[in-house]
Protein backbone atom coordinates (compact mmCIF):
# COMPACT_ATOMS: atom_id res chain seq x y z
CA MET A 1 40.71 -14.77 41.38
CA ASN A 2 39.88 -12.06 38.87
CA PRO A 3 41.92 -12.49 35.63
CA PHE A 4 43.39 -8.99 35.92
CA GLU A 5 44.67 -9.61 39.43
CA LYS A 6 45.85 -13.08 38.45
CA LEU A 7 47.91 -11.82 35.51
CA LEU A 8 49.43 -9.06 37.63
CA GLY A 9 50.50 -11.75 40.06
CA GLU A 10 52.12 -13.77 37.30
CA LYS A 11 53.91 -11.09 35.28
CA ALA A 12 56.21 -8.28 36.38
CA ILE A 13 54.94 -5.97 33.62
CA LEU A 14 51.68 -5.90 31.68
CA LEU A 15 51.71 -4.35 28.22
CA ALA A 16 48.54 -2.42 27.42
CA ASP A 17 47.31 -1.37 23.98
CA GLY A 18 47.62 1.88 22.02
CA ALA A 19 45.29 4.41 20.42
CA THR A 20 41.67 3.75 19.54
CA GLY A 21 40.73 6.92 17.63
CA THR A 22 43.89 6.87 15.51
CA THR A 23 43.14 3.32 14.39
CA PHE A 24 39.48 4.03 13.70
CA PHE A 25 40.23 7.09 11.57
CA GLY A 26 42.33 4.78 9.44
CA LEU A 27 39.33 2.45 9.16
CA GLY A 28 36.96 5.21 8.04
CA LEU A 29 35.71 7.00 11.15
CA GLN A 30 34.92 10.63 10.36
CA SER A 31 35.80 13.55 12.62
CA GLY A 32 32.91 14.25 14.98
CA ASP A 33 31.47 10.74 14.77
CA ALA A 34 31.04 8.63 17.91
CA PRO A 35 33.36 5.58 17.85
CA GLU A 36 31.01 3.84 20.32
CA LEU A 37 28.32 3.57 17.63
CA TRP A 38 30.68 1.35 15.66
CA ASN A 39 30.24 -1.35 18.32
CA VAL A 40 26.82 -2.00 16.77
CA ASP A 41 27.14 -0.52 13.27
CA PHE A 42 30.57 -1.95 12.35
CA PRO A 43 31.48 -4.63 14.92
CA GLU A 44 33.88 -6.29 12.50
CA ARG A 45 35.98 -3.12 12.34
CA VAL A 46 36.05 -2.88 16.12
CA ALA A 47 37.14 -6.52 16.29
CA LEU A 48 39.94 -5.82 13.78
CA HIS A 49 41.16 -2.98 16.01
CA TYR A 50 41.18 -5.21 19.09
CA GLN A 51 42.83 -8.09 17.25
CA ALA A 52 45.63 -5.88 15.91
CA PHE A 53 46.76 -5.00 19.44
CA VAL A 54 46.42 -8.58 20.65
CA ASP A 55 48.59 -9.67 17.73
CA ALA A 56 51.10 -6.94 18.62
CA GLY A 57 51.50 -8.48 22.07
CA SER A 58 49.19 -6.49 24.35
CA ASP A 59 48.31 -8.21 27.61
CA LEU A 60 45.49 -5.75 28.22
CA VAL A 61 43.18 -4.05 25.70
CA LEU A 62 40.68 -1.26 26.36
CA THR A 63 37.12 -1.48 25.12
CA ASN A 64 35.77 1.00 22.57
CA SER A 65 33.67 2.79 25.16
CA PHE A 66 35.62 5.88 26.23
CA GLY A 67 32.66 8.17 25.52
CA GLY A 68 30.07 5.68 26.66
CA THR A 69 28.28 7.62 29.42
CA ARG A 70 24.80 8.97 28.80
CA TYR A 71 26.24 12.50 28.77
CA ARG A 72 28.76 11.89 26.01
CA LEU A 73 26.34 9.79 23.99
CA LYS A 74 23.71 12.53 24.24
CA LEU A 75 25.85 14.53 21.80
CA HIS A 76 24.94 11.88 19.21
CA GLN A 77 21.31 11.37 20.28
CA ALA A 78 22.28 8.00 21.71
CA GLU A 79 21.90 8.59 25.46
CA SER A 80 19.29 5.83 25.66
CA ARG A 81 21.76 3.28 24.22
CA VAL A 82 24.32 3.18 27.06
CA GLY A 83 23.66 -0.46 27.89
CA GLU A 84 23.57 -1.65 24.28
CA LEU A 85 26.75 0.12 23.16
CA ASN A 86 28.87 -0.69 26.21
CA ILE A 87 27.79 -4.33 26.34
CA ALA A 88 28.69 -4.61 22.65
CA ALA A 89 32.10 -2.95 23.19
CA ALA A 90 33.04 -5.49 25.85
CA THR A 91 31.42 -8.49 24.16
CA ILE A 92 33.41 -8.01 20.95
CA LEU A 93 36.69 -7.76 22.86
CA ARG A 94 35.74 -10.67 25.12
CA GLU A 95 35.39 -12.89 22.04
CA VAL A 96 38.75 -11.74 20.65
CA ALA A 97 40.44 -12.33 24.01
CA ASP A 98 38.85 -15.75 24.49
CA ASN A 99 40.08 -16.86 21.07
CA CYS A 100 43.68 -16.00 21.95
CA ASP A 101 46.07 -18.72 23.14
CA ARG A 102 47.18 -16.59 26.12
CA GLU A 103 45.47 -14.48 28.76
CA VAL A 104 44.30 -11.09 27.46
CA ILE A 105 42.58 -8.72 29.86
CA VAL A 106 39.38 -6.96 28.78
CA ALA A 107 39.55 -3.46 30.29
CA GLY A 108 36.26 -1.55 30.28
CA SER A 109 37.17 2.01 29.32
CA MET A 110 35.28 4.91 30.92
CA GLY A 111 36.24 8.51 30.10
CA PRO A 112 35.03 11.84 31.49
CA THR A 113 31.40 12.86 31.13
CA GLY A 114 32.38 16.12 29.44
CA GLU A 115 30.10 17.97 31.86
CA ILE A 116 31.08 20.60 34.43
CA LEU A 117 30.52 19.39 37.96
CA ALA A 118 28.57 21.36 40.55
CA PRO A 119 28.97 23.87 42.08
CA LEU A 120 30.70 25.37 39.02
CA GLY A 121 28.41 23.52 36.62
CA ASP A 122 25.11 21.68 36.54
CA LEU A 123 26.21 18.04 36.97
CA GLN A 124 25.36 16.90 40.49
CA SER A 125 27.45 14.23 42.20
CA GLU A 126 24.60 11.71 42.40
CA ASP A 127 23.89 12.07 38.67
CA ALA A 128 27.55 11.59 37.79
CA ILE A 129 27.79 8.48 39.98
CA SER A 130 24.61 7.11 38.42
CA ALA A 131 25.93 7.66 34.89
CA PHE A 132 29.24 5.96 35.61
CA ALA A 133 27.49 3.07 37.37
CA GLU A 134 25.20 2.56 34.37
CA GLN A 135 28.20 2.32 32.07
CA ALA A 136 30.30 0.16 34.38
CA LEU A 137 27.52 -2.36 34.92
CA ALA A 138 27.03 -2.67 31.15
CA LEU A 139 30.75 -3.25 30.62
CA GLU A 140 30.71 -5.91 33.33
CA GLN A 141 27.73 -7.57 31.66
CA GLY A 142 29.61 -7.61 28.35
CA GLY A 143 32.54 -9.48 29.89
CA ALA A 144 35.03 -6.87 31.13
CA ASP A 145 37.68 -8.06 33.59
CA VAL A 146 38.44 -4.60 35.03
CA ILE A 147 36.91 -1.12 34.93
CA TRP A 148 39.44 1.32 33.45
CA ILE A 149 38.68 4.98 34.22
CA GLU A 150 40.93 7.17 32.06
CA THR A 151 41.96 10.69 30.97
CA MET A 152 40.56 12.36 34.07
CA SER A 153 41.47 15.88 35.19
CA SER A 154 39.57 16.47 38.43
CA GLN A 155 39.73 14.54 41.67
CA GLU A 156 35.96 14.86 42.09
CA GLU A 157 35.18 13.19 38.78
CA VAL A 158 37.62 10.38 39.53
CA GLU A 159 35.87 9.80 42.85
CA TYR A 160 32.41 9.77 41.25
CA ALA A 161 33.60 7.39 38.53
CA VAL A 162 35.12 5.07 41.13
CA ARG A 163 31.95 5.14 43.22
CA GLY A 164 29.95 4.24 40.13
CA ALA A 165 32.38 1.46 39.18
CA GLN A 166 32.21 0.07 42.71
CA GLN A 167 28.67 -1.05 41.94
CA THR A 168 30.29 -3.83 39.91
CA ALA A 169 32.33 -6.69 41.34
CA LEU A 170 35.36 -5.79 39.19
CA PRO A 171 38.79 -4.33 40.02
CA ILE A 172 39.16 -0.62 39.25
CA VAL A 173 41.95 1.39 37.65
CA PHE A 174 42.06 5.13 37.10
CA THR A 175 44.45 7.33 35.16
CA MET A 176 44.72 11.11 34.98
CA SER A 177 46.17 13.26 32.21
CA PHE A 178 49.14 15.37 33.31
CA ASP A 179 49.61 18.00 30.65
CA THR A 180 50.43 21.36 32.26
CA ASN A 181 53.74 21.56 34.10
CA GLY A 182 53.25 18.20 35.76
CA ARG A 183 49.59 18.82 36.61
CA THR A 184 46.22 18.04 35.14
CA MET A 185 44.02 20.69 33.56
CA MET A 186 42.31 21.07 36.96
CA GLY A 187 45.62 21.51 38.80
CA VAL A 188 46.04 18.01 40.23
CA GLY A 189 49.67 16.98 40.73
CA ALA A 190 51.20 13.54 41.14
CA GLU A 191 51.28 13.81 44.93
CA ASP A 192 47.61 14.84 44.99
CA MET A 193 46.73 11.86 42.83
CA MET A 194 48.58 9.41 45.03
CA LYS A 195 46.73 10.71 48.08
CA LEU A 196 43.46 10.31 46.19
CA ASN A 197 44.37 6.76 45.21
CA HIS A 198 45.24 5.93 48.82
CA ARG A 199 41.87 7.26 49.97
CA LEU A 200 39.86 5.47 47.27
CA GLY A 201 41.75 2.19 47.58
CA VAL A 202 41.52 1.12 43.93
CA HIS A 203 43.67 -1.56 42.32
CA ALA A 204 45.94 0.67 40.20
CA CYS A 205 46.37 4.28 39.13
CA GLY A 206 48.57 6.29 36.83
CA THR A 207 48.63 8.59 33.84
CA ASN A 208 47.66 8.54 30.20
CA CYS A 209 47.63 10.92 27.25
CA GLY A 210 49.23 14.26 28.28
CA ILE A 211 51.94 15.79 26.10
CA GLY A 212 54.24 12.92 25.30
CA ALA A 213 56.33 10.06 26.58
CA SER A 214 58.89 12.12 28.49
CA GLU A 215 56.19 13.81 30.54
CA VAL A 216 54.55 10.48 31.37
CA VAL A 217 57.81 8.97 32.63
CA ALA A 218 58.41 12.10 34.71
CA ALA A 219 54.92 11.72 36.17
CA ILE A 220 55.65 8.08 37.10
CA LEU A 221 58.85 9.19 38.86
CA ASN A 222 56.81 11.74 40.81
CA MET A 223 54.10 9.21 41.69
CA GLN A 224 56.66 6.66 42.82
CA ALA A 225 58.25 9.20 45.13
CA SER A 226 54.85 10.31 46.47
CA LYS A 227 53.69 6.90 47.65
CA PRO A 228 52.29 6.88 51.20
CA ALA A 229 54.78 6.11 53.94
CA ASP A 230 52.55 3.41 55.45
CA GLY A 231 53.88 0.70 53.16
CA ASP A 232 51.11 0.94 50.57
CA ASP A 233 52.62 0.15 47.16
CA PRO A 234 50.07 0.90 44.44
CA ILE A 235 50.39 -0.48 40.93
CA LEU A 236 51.27 2.38 38.57
CA VAL A 237 50.11 2.78 34.98
CA ALA A 238 51.89 4.64 32.17
CA LYS A 239 50.07 5.14 28.86
CA ALA A 240 51.81 7.88 26.86
CA ASN A 241 50.95 9.61 23.63
CA CYS A 242 53.14 8.61 20.71
CA GLY A 243 55.22 11.78 20.62
CA ILE A 244 53.88 15.23 19.77
CA PRO A 245 50.96 15.82 17.37
CA GLU A 246 51.73 17.67 14.14
CA PHE A 247 49.41 18.89 11.37
CA ILE A 248 50.53 17.48 8.04
CA ASP A 249 48.35 17.97 4.95
CA GLY A 250 45.39 18.83 7.14
CA GLU A 251 45.66 15.71 9.31
CA ILE A 252 47.12 15.06 12.76
CA HIS A 253 50.19 12.85 12.86
CA TYR A 254 52.23 11.90 15.92
CA ASN A 255 56.01 12.06 15.60
CA GLY A 256 56.88 9.16 17.89
CA THR A 257 58.71 6.29 16.20
CA PRO A 258 58.55 2.62 17.23
CA GLU A 259 62.13 3.00 18.50
CA ILE A 260 61.22 5.94 20.73
CA MET A 261 58.14 4.17 22.09
CA ALA A 262 60.21 1.07 22.79
CA ARG A 263 62.67 3.15 24.80
CA TYR A 264 59.78 4.88 26.58
CA ALA A 265 58.35 1.49 27.57
CA THR A 266 61.55 0.34 29.26
CA MET A 267 62.09 3.71 30.96
CA ALA A 268 58.51 3.74 32.28
CA ARG A 269 59.08 0.24 33.66
CA ASP A 270 62.35 1.27 35.28
CA ALA A 271 60.66 4.37 36.74
CA GLY A 272 58.15 2.12 38.52
CA ALA A 273 55.19 1.47 36.21
CA ARG A 274 53.83 -2.08 36.16
CA ILE A 275 51.34 -1.48 33.35
CA VAL A 276 52.77 0.24 30.29
CA GLY A 277 51.02 1.13 27.05
CA GLY A 278 50.40 3.91 24.56
CA CYS A 279 47.72 6.50 24.00
CA CYS A 280 47.02 8.86 21.08
CA GLY A 281 48.93 8.00 17.92
CA THR A 282 50.21 4.66 19.22
CA SER A 283 49.72 2.01 16.54
CA PRO A 284 50.06 -1.78 16.74
CA GLU A 285 53.50 -1.35 15.17
CA HIS A 286 54.55 0.84 18.09
CA VAL A 287 53.11 -1.63 20.60
CA ALA A 288 54.95 -4.53 18.93
CA ALA A 289 58.22 -2.60 19.36
CA MET A 290 57.34 -1.99 23.02
CA ARG A 291 56.63 -5.71 23.48
CA HIS A 292 60.00 -6.63 22.01
CA ALA A 293 61.84 -4.10 24.18
CA LEU A 294 60.15 -5.18 27.41
CA ASP A 295 60.79 -8.84 26.67
CA ASN A 296 64.41 -8.42 25.63
CA THR A 297 65.76 -5.66 27.89
CA GLU A 298 66.68 -6.32 31.49
CA PRO A 299 65.27 -3.87 34.05
CA GLY A 300 67.66 -1.05 34.79
CA PRO A 301 68.13 1.59 37.50
CA VAL A 302 65.56 4.27 38.13
CA PRO A 303 66.14 6.89 35.40
CA SER A 304 66.94 10.46 36.36
CA ILE A 305 65.02 13.33 34.82
CA ASP A 306 68.16 14.08 32.78
CA ASP A 307 68.06 10.52 31.43
CA VAL A 308 64.42 11.00 30.47
CA GLU A 309 65.09 14.24 28.64
CA ARG A 310 68.13 12.84 26.86
CA GLU A 311 66.27 9.75 25.64
CA LEU A 312 62.68 10.97 25.16
CA GLY A 313 62.64 14.76 24.93
CA THR A 314 62.05 17.80 27.10
CA VAL A 315 59.91 17.83 30.23
CA THR A 316 57.88 20.86 31.29
CA ARG A 317 59.34 22.96 34.07
CA GLY A 318 56.89 21.94 36.80
CA ALA A 319 57.27 18.20 36.16
CA HIS A 320 61.04 18.61 35.82
CA ALA A 321 61.33 20.33 39.19
CA GLN A 322 59.24 17.69 40.92
CA ALA A 323 61.06 14.76 39.35
CA SER A 324 64.53 16.20 39.90
CA GLY A 325 63.87 16.49 43.61
CA GLN A 326 62.21 13.09 43.83
CA HIS A 327 64.95 11.15 42.02
CA GLU A 328 67.52 11.78 44.74
CA VAL A 329 65.08 10.48 47.35
CA GLN A 330 64.37 7.38 45.26
CA THR A 331 68.05 6.72 44.65
CA ARG A 332 68.86 6.96 48.36
CA GLY A 333 65.96 4.63 49.12
CA SER A 334 67.16 2.12 46.53
CA SER A 335 70.67 2.21 47.99
CA ARG A 336 69.37 1.55 51.48
CA ARG A 337 67.28 -1.38 50.22
CA ARG A 338 70.33 -2.88 48.51
CA ARG A 339 72.39 -2.55 51.71
CA ARG A 340 69.67 -4.25 53.76
CA ARG A 341 69.82 -7.23 51.43
């Protein structure tokens, strides 16, 4: 059995990692530089980043390959180095994971191409699929356990990324970024995403990034309530930004504290997520607090949208309206399940 599937079978909740860019800026990455080049130029720094999240308690860590397609690397005159850079990203993490005394999943990160898809833009479907396949195969060769497609906005690009990833033998996860009234930049809502997941048949789906922890938990509530009625029960992923970004002395800082991220982790779990982690601004310190909270707090009832806002902050109107309506349905369903027992 694949290690990712095996660990999901053994544990109720998997804790993912936090931010990559935030950590690398602290290690010397300059704005505008490609983090993927560090996999070859500064592998020891990449290993330090991976190790910090393993030490914080992450069960699953993403490779430093978010911008690893030929299209993103072309911005840095490195489009011919897709194989080299992605293999290195996974190989470094594979070594860190293998030296740990517990199972740590190597998740091969693939982000958007940054191109506009036809017919609105020039990127044809077959070229997008080819680019994602090239990256996914390199991540598999480097030792990835799962292909992790993240921060997507359009259903079409998710589908092309999945079709590319299906050229490997690995499980596939995708996450979309809900940041505008409960929808992605391209207008995809939680219900749309769940229908897409059902059609694609991948191993897990969910949300990352967006505009903060409260919005991510609201999105999980909406996904949970939008599951197909045919008994399909997909594994949901929550990977929230560490609060809201603020400019302080010319630099971006996220206002989420370890205490807030710990509360977010337990609320995301109670809302229905089985893989919980952080995104932008989430440090190993935040992840360690999330680990402690998940390990030492018993699962609770499904939170209401009012609970989410009280504990984590405001939710945009569109997401609020969806989640408010969905919570009553979930609560009734939970009551019926309890009575049947």
